Amino acid sequence: MIGPLSQDLADLRDATRRLSLTLEGLDDVVVRRPSLLPGWSVGHVLTHLARNADGLLRLVDWALTGVPTPMYDSPEARERDIEAGAGRTASALVSDVHDSAEGLSAAFERLSAGGPSALDRLVIFGPGRPGQEPDSPARTVVFGRIREVEIHHVDLGLDSFGPSGWPETFVERTLMFIHARSGAVDVVGDPADVLAWRLGRGPGTGLHRVDGSGPGAPPAW
């Protein structure tokens, strides 16, 4: 497809395909294991990915219709949905991830064909805050989903996928995204390890500051 989101959509398909390969053969024992996110099991992460897809579909509707539709009814509703779904069987969890991703993929195709009025419409990415005004062009939501899939793929904590599995283009782009939000840091090393450290998904082993000291704790982003 040729269009304003063609590369982002291709990158999202690749990220989702890698996630699907990881989920093949997942069983009920594994989904009960702790993930890398404190207090969340593998089942919590998978449920979050599915509900995130549902929420982003609502943002696509907002962009296409102009009718404000938040990703989630409230931050509390978001948490309740994740808790309610986390204890399902592996089969149910994986099916939910797959089905919701397919629905979102179709919605993103509609967004890509929606023209500048839809692509440039401002929406609110994430749970939102009281009084928050729309601040994210709808065209950026696809990259937001890529980040969700790639980062939470690592958060599953499974041996089959870690930061080294992130594509180089994703690492570079996400580092630029984080630097734009919170400023660059003088930490050097393998870019994937730098990104994992910045995201709080890696210890920073092998990284150092330009003066030779250790990286320390990553700044908030």
Foldseek 3Di string as FASTA:
>chain_A
DDFDCVVLLVLLVVLVVVLLVVLVPDWQVLLQDCFLDPPHGLLLLLQLLLLLLQLLLQLLVCLQPVDADGSAPAPVRSVVSSVVRSNDTSVVSSVSNVVSVVVSSVSVVVQRVRPPSSQQDFHDRDRDDVPDDGDDRSVCVSVVSSCSSLVSSQRSVDPVDHLVPDDPVNLVVVLVVVCVVPNDFQKDDPSSQVSCQLVVNHPQVRIAGPVRHGPPHHDDD
